[in-house]
């Protein structure tokens, strides 16, 4: 006998709200910077012997305005024989870099966040009204040089500090749209079989109880 599927198994047109991707590029960005002056290191009190100390860093997108679109300019390009209007974007990226100084005895000092700003330009289809979203697929840094370290109350000074930052970024221009398509409704998966464990009982002391004289 042919199985009759319930009505919710049948395909039908449905509408959902999604973000349409107008354009998408992946770019790499590397830059060096050298913070000037003493850097805030809460908890540092002189004197500190920095002989053999290791200096490392961490970089994260700024908590406030990590991405700012400074300018969006229309430009015409010829692509495969056709004239296409694209947008030339000037983008400001804001980062926070933290330094970690580790002494040979294991003592660690962590700096306050060092704000770093870098700007770049990218061309893609991002007409007025679209949102530009940047996702960092990789964001890393390393300390290239430090020079001599000197501690004062709450600060550490470096004579030749240089930090390198490398960025891999996914840049998309998007706009919310409502789309219609033919689809099947999903069914829940079958529940996993389960069974109760048999009731256990402790071992008996045979030969002691019950008594063989009974």
C-alpha atoms as a PDB file:
ATOM      1  CA  UNK A   1       0.000   0.000   0.000  1.00  0.00           C
ATOM      2  CA  UNK A   2       1.378   3.383  -0.921  1.00  0.00           C
ATOM      3  CA  UNK A   3       2.199   5.558   2.059  1.00  0.00           C
ATOM      4  CA  UNK A   4       0.320   8.834   2.180  1.00  0.00           C
ATOM      5  CA  UNK A   5       2.582  11.612   3.434  1.00  0.00           C
ATOM      6  CA  UNK A   6       1.105  14.217   5.751  1.00  0.00           C
ATOM      7  CA  UNK A   7       0.518  17.655   4.304  1.00  0.00           C
ATOM      8  CA  UNK A   8       3.503  19.173   6.112  1.00  0.00           C
ATOM      9  CA  UNK A   9       5.825  16.902   4.054  1.00  0.00           C
ATOM     10  CA  UNK A  10       4.795  18.539   0.780  1.00  0.00           C
ATOM     11  CA  UNK A  11       6.933  21.178  -0.860  1.00  0.00           C
ATOM     12  CA  UNK A  12       5.668  24.699  -0.878  1.00  0.00           C
ATOM     13  CA  UNK A  13       6.895  28.212  -1.526  1.00  0.00           C
ATOM     14  CA  UNK A  14       8.132  30.012   1.553  1.00  0.00           C
ATOM     15  CA  UNK A  15       9.542  33.498   2.164  1.00  0.00           C
ATOM     16  CA  UNK A  16      12.477  34.242   4.450  1.00  0.00           C
ATOM     17  CA  UNK A  17      14.499  37.331   5.329  1.00  0.00           C
ATOM     18  CA  UNK A  18      18.201  37.083   4.457  1.00  0.00           C
ATOM     19  CA  UNK A  19      21.161  39.329   3.689  1.00  0.00           C
ATOM     20  CA  UNK A  20      21.950  39.457  -0.015  1.00  0.00           C
ATOM     21  CA  UNK A  21      25.699  39.555  -0.673  1.00  0.00           C
ATOM     22  CA  UNK A  22      26.405  42.191  -3.340  1.00  0.00           C
ATOM     23  CA  UNK A  23      30.157  41.565  -3.414  1.00  0.00           C
ATOM     24  CA  UNK A  24      32.789  39.641  -1.472  1.00  0.00           C
ATOM     25  CA  UNK A  25      36.570  39.845  -1.413  1.00  0.00           C
ATOM     26  CA  UNK A  26      39.306  38.431   0.810  1.00  0.00           C
ATOM     27  CA  UNK A  27      42.351  40.593   1.476  1.00  0.00           C
ATOM     28  CA  UNK A  28      45.561  40.437   3.463  1.00  0.00           C
ATOM     29  CA  UNK A  29      47.007  43.361   5.369  1.00  0.00           C
ATOM     30  CA  UNK A  30      50.285  43.646   7.276  1.00  0.00           C
ATOM     31  CA  UNK A  31      51.737  46.679   9.005  1.00  0.00           C
ATOM     32  CA  UNK A  32      54.347  47.640  11.588  1.00  0.00           C
ATOM     33  CA  UNK A  33      54.054  50.283  14.272  1.00  0.00           C
ATOM     34  CA  UNK A  34      56.272  51.580  17.063  1.00  0.00           C
ATOM     35  CA  UNK A  35      54.526  52.976  20.151  1.00  0.00           C
ATOM     36  CA  UNK A  36      56.371  56.007  21.520  1.00  0.00           C
ATOM     37  CA  UNK A  37      56.948  56.918  25.139  1.00  0.00           C
ATOM     38  CA  UNK A  38      56.354  54.916  28.316  1.00  0.00           C
ATOM     39  CA  UNK A  39      53.599  52.286  28.095  1.00  0.00           C
ATOM     40  CA  UNK A  40      51.164  51.743  30.948  1.00  0.00           C
ATOM     41  CA  UNK A  41      51.770  48.468  32.785  1.00  0.00           C
ATOM     42  CA  UNK A  42      49.557  48.404  35.908  1.00  0.00           C
ATOM     43  CA  UNK A  43      51.304  46.650  38.783  1.00  0.00           C
ATOM     44  CA  UNK A  44      54.891  47.367  37.758  1.00  0.00           C
ATOM     45  CA  UNK A  45      57.004  48.828  40.557  1.00  0.00           C
ATOM     46  CA  UNK A  46      60.741  49.482  40.190  1.00  0.00           C
ATOM     47  CA  UNK A  47      63.316  48.157  40.432  1.00  0.00           C
ATOM     48  CA  UNK A  48      62.726  45.305  37.940  1.00  0.00           C
ATOM     49  CA  UNK A  49      65.485  43.272  36.308  1.00  0.00           C
ATOM     50  CA  UNK A  50      64.350  42.672  32.704  1.00  0.00           C
ATOM     51  CA  UNK A  51      67.393  40.562  31.757  1.00  0.00           C
ATOM     52  CA  UNK A  52      66.172  37.597  29.716  1.00  0.00           C
ATOM     53  CA  UNK A  53      62.564  38.850  29.666  1.00  0.00           C
ATOM     54  CA  UNK A  54      60.284  37.763  26.796  1.00  0.00           C
ATOM     55  CA  UNK A  55      57.938  40.313  25.232  1.00  0.00           C
ATOM     56  CA  UNK A  56      54.868  39.074  23.347  1.00  0.00           C
ATOM     57  CA  UNK A  57      51.653  40.715  22.166  1.00  0.00           C
ATOM     58  CA  UNK A  58      47.962  40.148  21.490  1.00  0.00           C
ATOM     59  CA  UNK A  59      45.765  42.092  19.059  1.00  0.00           C
ATOM     60  CA  UNK A  60      41.961  42.335  18.958  1.00  0.00           C
ATOM     61  CA  UNK A  61      39.460  44.538  17.103  1.00  0.00           C
ATOM     62  CA  UNK A  62      38.637  47.669  19.074  1.00  0.00           C
ATOM     63  CA  UNK A  63      35.551  47.366  21.256  1.00  0.00           C
ATOM     64  CA  UNK A  64      34.360  50.765  19.976  1.00  0.00           C
ATOM     65  CA  UNK A  65      34.018  51.410  16.230  1.00  0.00           C
ATOM     66  CA  UNK A  66      36.283  48.593  15.012  1.00  0.00           C
ATOM     67  CA  UNK A  67      35.361  49.475  11.404  1.00  0.00           C
ATOM     68  CA  UNK A  68      34.558  52.955  10.081  1.00  0.00           C
ATOM     69  CA  UNK A  69      33.694  53.699   6.422  1.00  0.00           C
ATOM     70  CA  UNK A  70      35.292  57.085   5.836  1.00  0.00           C
ATOM     71  CA  UNK A  71      34.268  57.576   2.211  1.00  0.00           C
ATOM     72  CA  UNK A  72      32.296  55.776  -0.540  1.00  0.00           C
ATOM     73  CA  UNK A  73      33.037  57.025  -4.072  1.00  0.00           C
ATOM     74  CA  UNK A  74      31.462  55.742  -7.315  1.00  0.00           C
ATOM     75  CA  UNK A  75      33.960  54.773  -9.992  1.00  0.00           C
ATOM     76  CA  UNK A  76      33.389  53.267 -13.442  1.00  0.00           C
ATOM     77  CA  UNK A  77      35.430  50.263 -14.572  1.00  0.00           C
ATOM     78  CA  UNK A  78      35.482  48.207 -17.755  1.00  0.00           C
ATOM     79  CA  UNK A  79      35.214  44.502 -16.903  1.00  0.00           C
ATOM     80  CA  UNK A  80      35.123  41.928 -19.714  1.00  0.00           C
ATOM     81  CA  UNK A  81      34.096  44.632 -22.179  1.00  0.00           C
ATOM     82  CA  UNK A  82      31.246  46.031 -20.066  1.00  0.00           C
ATOM     83  CA  UNK A  83      31.225  49.265 -18.098  1.00  0.00           C
ATOM     84  CA  UNK A  84      30.441  48.645 -14.423  1.00  0.00           C
ATOM     85  CA  UNK A  85      29.950  51.194 -11.648  1.00  0.00           C
ATOM     86  CA  UNK A  86      31.704  50.099  -8.464  1.00  0.00           C
ATOM     87  CA  UNK A  87      32.414  51.838  -5.180  1.00  0.00           C
ATOM     88  CA  UNK A  88      35.869  52.856  -3.967  1.00  0.00           C
ATOM     89  CA  UNK A  89      35.786  52.648  -0.168  1.00  0.00           C
ATOM     90  CA  UNK A  90      38.151  54.264   2.306  1.00  0.00           C
ATOM     91  CA  UNK A  91      38.052  52.117   5.443  1.00  0.00           C
ATOM     92  CA  UNK A  92      39.456  52.831   8.895  1.00  0.00           C
ATOM     93  CA  UNK A  93      40.245  49.838  11.109  1.00  0.00           C
ATOM     94  CA  UNK A  94      40.773  50.232  14.839  1.00  0.00           C
ATOM     95  CA  UNK A  95      42.657  47.661  16.934  1.00  0.00           C
ATOM     96  CA  UNK A  96      43.750  47.186  20.534  1.00  0.00           C
ATOM     97  CA  UNK A  97      47.238  45.748  21.107  1.00  0.00           C
ATOM     98  CA  UNK A  98      48.306  44.368  24.479  1.00  0.00           C
ATOM     99  CA  UNK A  99      51.914  43.658  25.446  1.00  0.00           C
ATOM    100  CA  UNK A 100      52.947  40.888  27.836  1.00  0.00           C
ATOM    101  CA  UNK A 101      56.386  40.990  29.498  1.00  0.00           C
ATOM    102  CA  UNK A 102      57.393  37.654  31.051  1.00  0.00           C
ATOM    103  CA  UNK A 103      60.414  37.525  33.349  1.00  0.00           C
ATOM    104  CA  UNK A 104      62.638  34.407  33.571  1.00  0.00           C
ATOM    105  CA  UNK A 105      61.145  33.619  37.014  1.00  0.00           C
ATOM    106  CA  UNK A 106      57.637  33.476  35.486  1.00  0.00           C
ATOM    107  CA  UNK A 107      56.420  36.894  36.651  1.00  0.00           C
ATOM    108  CA  UNK A 108      54.173  38.456  34.018  1.00  0.00           C
ATOM    109  CA  UNK A 109      53.256  42.094  33.443  1.00  0.00           C
ATOM    110  CA  UNK A 110      50.387  42.978  31.065  1.00  0.00           C
ATOM    111  CA  UNK A 111      50.050  46.401  29.523  1.00  0.00           C
ATOM    112  CA  UNK A 112      46.954  48.498  29.135  1.00  0.00           C
ATOM    113  CA  UNK A 113      45.415  48.329  25.655  1.00  0.00           C
ATOM    114  CA  UNK A 114      47.350  50.296  23.046  1.00  0.00           C
ATOM    115  CA  UNK A 115      44.968  51.748  20.412  1.00  0.00           C
ATOM    116  CA  UNK A 116      46.164  51.321  16.827  1.00  0.00           C
ATOM    117  CA  UNK A 117      44.458  52.697  13.709  1.00  0.00           C
ATOM    118  CA  UNK A 118      45.144  51.762  10.102  1.00  0.00           C
ATOM    119  CA  UNK A 119      43.338  52.850   6.923  1.00  0.00           C
ATOM    120  CA  UNK A 120      43.084  51.134   3.550  1.00  0.00           C
ATOM    121  CA  UNK A 121      41.051  51.349   0.366  1.00  0.00           C
ATOM    122  CA  UNK A 122      39.058  48.608  -1.321  1.00  0.00           C
ATOM    123  CA  UNK A 123      36.938  48.572  -4.483  1.00  0.00           C
ATOM    124  CA  UNK A 124      33.802  46.431  -4.650  1.00  0.00           C
ATOM    125  CA  UNK A 125      30.108  46.571  -5.508  1.00  0.00           C
ATOM    126  CA  UNK A 126      28.800  48.439  -2.466  1.00  0.00           C
ATOM    127  CA  UNK A 127      26.237  51.037  -3.617  1.00  0.00           C
ATOM    128  CA  UNK A 128      24.803  53.538  -1.174  1.00  0.00           C
ATOM    129  CA  UNK A 129      22.466  51.779   1.252  1.00  0.00           C
ATOM    130  CA  UNK A 130      24.459  48.554   1.502  1.00  0.00           C
ATOM    131  CA  UNK A 131      26.279  47.544   4.663  1.00  0.00           C
ATOM    132  CA  UNK A 132      29.987  46.752   4.565  1.00  0.00           C
ATOM    133  CA  UNK A 133      30.912  43.918   6.902  1.00  0.00           C
ATOM    134  CA  UNK A 134      34.504  42.947   7.666  1.00  0.00           C
ATOM    135  CA  UNK A 135      35.306  39.661   9.394  1.00  0.00           C
ATOM    136  CA  UNK A 136      38.831  38.840  10.499  1.00  0.00           C
ATOM    137  CA  UNK A 137      39.619  35.240   9.595  1.00  0.00           C
ATOM    138  CA  UNK A 138      43.095  35.669  11.078  1.00  0.00           C
ATOM    139  CA  UNK A 139      44.442  38.443  13.297  1.00  0.00           C
ATOM    140  CA  UNK A 140      47.868  38.121  14.861  1.00  0.00           C
ATOM    141  CA  UNK A 141      50.894  40.128  15.964  1.00  0.00           C
ATOM    142  CA  UNK A 142      54.460  39.657  17.119  1.00  0.00           C
ATOM    143  CA  UNK A 143      57.077  41.858  18.732  1.00  0.00           C
ATOM    144  CA  UNK A 144      59.925  42.448  16.286  1.00  0.00           C
ATOM    145  CA  UNK A 145      62.308  44.469  18.483  1.00  0.00           C
ATOM    146  CA  UNK A 146      62.190  45.853  22.032  1.00  0.00           C
ATOM    147  CA  UNK A 147      65.518  47.504  22.794  1.00  0.00           C
ATOM    148  CA  UNK A 148      66.217  48.123  26.473  1.00  0.00           C
ATOM    149  CA  UNK A 149      63.388  47.927  29.021  1.00  0.00           C
ATOM    150  CA  UNK A 150      63.175  50.302  31.967  1.00  0.00           C
ATOM    151  CA  UNK A 151      60.505  50.313  34.680  1.00  0.00           C
ATOM    152  CA  UNK A 152      58.958  53.233  36.509  1.00  0.00           C
ATOM    153  CA  UNK A 153      55.887  53.122  38.727  1.00  0.00           C
ATOM    154  CA  UNK A 154      53.122  51.657  36.532  1.00  0.00           C
ATOM    155  CA  UNK A 155      55.044  52.086  33.259  1.00  0.00           C
ATOM    156  CA  UNK A 156      57.665  50.326  31.129  1.00  0.00           C
ATOM    157  CA  UNK A 157      59.758  52.187  28.549  1.00  0.00           C
ATOM    158  CA  UNK A 158      61.256  50.513  25.456  1.00  0.00           C
ATOM    159  CA  UNK A 159      64.145  52.062  23.537  1.00  0.00           C
ATOM    160  CA  UNK A 160      63.342  50.315  20.209  1.00  0.00           C
ATOM    161  CA  UNK A 161      59.882  48.780  20.319  1.00  0.00           C
ATOM    162  CA  UNK A 162      58.515  47.555  16.992  1.00  0.00           C
ATOM    163  CA  UNK A 163      55.354  45.460  16.589  1.00  0.00           C
ATOM    164  CA  UNK A 164      54.156  43.712  13.424  1.00  0.00           C
ATOM    165  CA  UNK A 165      50.455  42.984  12.836  1.00  0.00           C
ATOM    166  CA  UNK A 166      49.091  40.617  10.163  1.00  0.00           C
ATOM    167  CA  UNK A 167      45.431  40.546   9.118  1.00  0.00           C
ATOM    168  CA  UNK A 168      43.386  38.221   6.917  1.00  0.00           C
ATOM    169  CA  UNK A 169      39.969  39.727   6.308  1.00  0.00           C
ATOM    170  CA  UNK A 170      36.726  38.863   4.593  1.00  0.00           C
ATOM    171  CA  UNK A 171      34.964  41.980   3.232  1.00  0.00           C
ATOM    172  CA  UNK A 172      31.319  41.769   2.134  1.00  0.00           C
ATOM    173  CA  UNK A 173      28.730  44.306   1.030  1.00  0.00           C
ATOM    174  CA  UNK A 174      25.224  43.197   2.020  1.00  0.00           C
ATOM    175  CA  UNK A 175      21.613  44.362   2.048  1.00  0.00           C
ATOM    176  CA  UNK A 176      18.582  42.724   3.747  1.00  0.00           C
ATOM    177  CA  UNK A 177      16.074  41.207   1.304  1.00  0.00           C
ATOM    178  CA  UNK A 178      13.049  38.896   1.381  1.00  0.00           C
ATOM    179  CA  UNK A 179      13.352  35.860  -0.911  1.00  0.00           C
ATOM    180  CA  UNK A 180      10.924  33.177  -2.036  1.00  0.00           C
ATOM    181  CA  UNK A 181      11.864  29.581  -2.834  1.00  0.00           C
ATOM    182  CA  UNK A 182      10.364  26.112  -3.054  1.00  0.00           C
ATOM    183  CA  UNK A 183      11.323  23.948  -0.106  1.00  0.00           C
ATOM    184  CA  UNK A 184      10.465  20.930   1.992  1.00  0.00           C
ATOM    185  CA  UNK A 185       9.758  21.323   5.684  1.00  0.00           C
ATOM    186  CA  UNK A 186      12.324  19.599   7.893  1.00  0.00           C
ATOM    187  CA  UNK A 187      11.409  16.614  10.032  1.00  0.00           C
ATOM    188  CA  UNK A 188      12.943  15.937  13.454  1.00  0.00           C
ATOM    189  CA  UNK A 189      15.453  13.092  13.617  1.00  0.00           C
ATOM    190  CA  UNK A 190      14.588   9.864  15.395  1.00  0.00           C
ATOM    191  CA  UNK A 191      15.302   9.816  19.101  1.00  0.00           C
ATOM    192  CA  UNK A 192      18.269   7.760  20.225  1.00  0.00           C
ATOM    193  CA  UNK A 193      17.292   4.377  21.687  1.00  0.00           C
ATOM    194  CA  UNK A 194      17.860   4.084  25.413  1.00  0.00           C
ATOM    195  CA  UNK A 195      17.403   1.370  27.968  1.00  0.00           C
ATOM    196  CA  UNK A 196      17.598   1.205  31.739  1.00  0.00           C
ATOM    197  CA  UNK A 197      20.548  -0.579  33.322  1.00  0.00           C
ATOM    198  CA  UNK A 198      19.642  -3.819  35.117  1.00  0.00           C
ATOM    199  CA  UNK A 199      19.226  -3.588  38.867  1.00  0.00           C
ATOM    200  CA  UNK A 200      22.495  -4.500  40.563  1.00  0.00           C
ATOM    201  CA  UNK A 201      23.053  -6.163  43.901  1.00  0.00           C
ATOM    202  CA  UNK A 202      26.175  -6.617  46.024  1.00  0.00           C
ATOM    203  CA  UNK A 203      27.976  -9.937  46.188  1.00  0.00           C
ATOM    204  CA  UNK A 204      27.057 -12.285  49.004  1.00  0.00           C
ATOM    205  CA  UNK A 205      29.443 -13.860  51.499  1.00  0.00           C
ATOM    206  CA  UNK A 206      28.808 -17.514  50.669  1.00  0.00           C
ATOM    207  CA  UNK A 207      29.757 -19.903  53.445  1.00  0.00           C
ATOM    208  CA  UNK A 208      29.016 -17.371  56.165  1.00  0.00           C
ATOM    209  CA  UNK A 209      25.358 -16.621  55.538  1.00  0.00           C
ATOM    210  CA  UNK A 210      23.030 -18.355  55.348  1.00  0.00           C
ATOM    211  CA  UNK A 211      24.491 -20.827  57.761  1.00  0.00           C
ATOM    212  CA  UNK A 212      24.906 -24.348  56.446  1.00  0.00           C
ATOM    213  CA  UNK A 213      23.541 -25.627  59.817  1.00  0.00           C
ATOM    214  CA  UNK A 214      20.129 -24.134  59.120  1.00  0.00           C
END
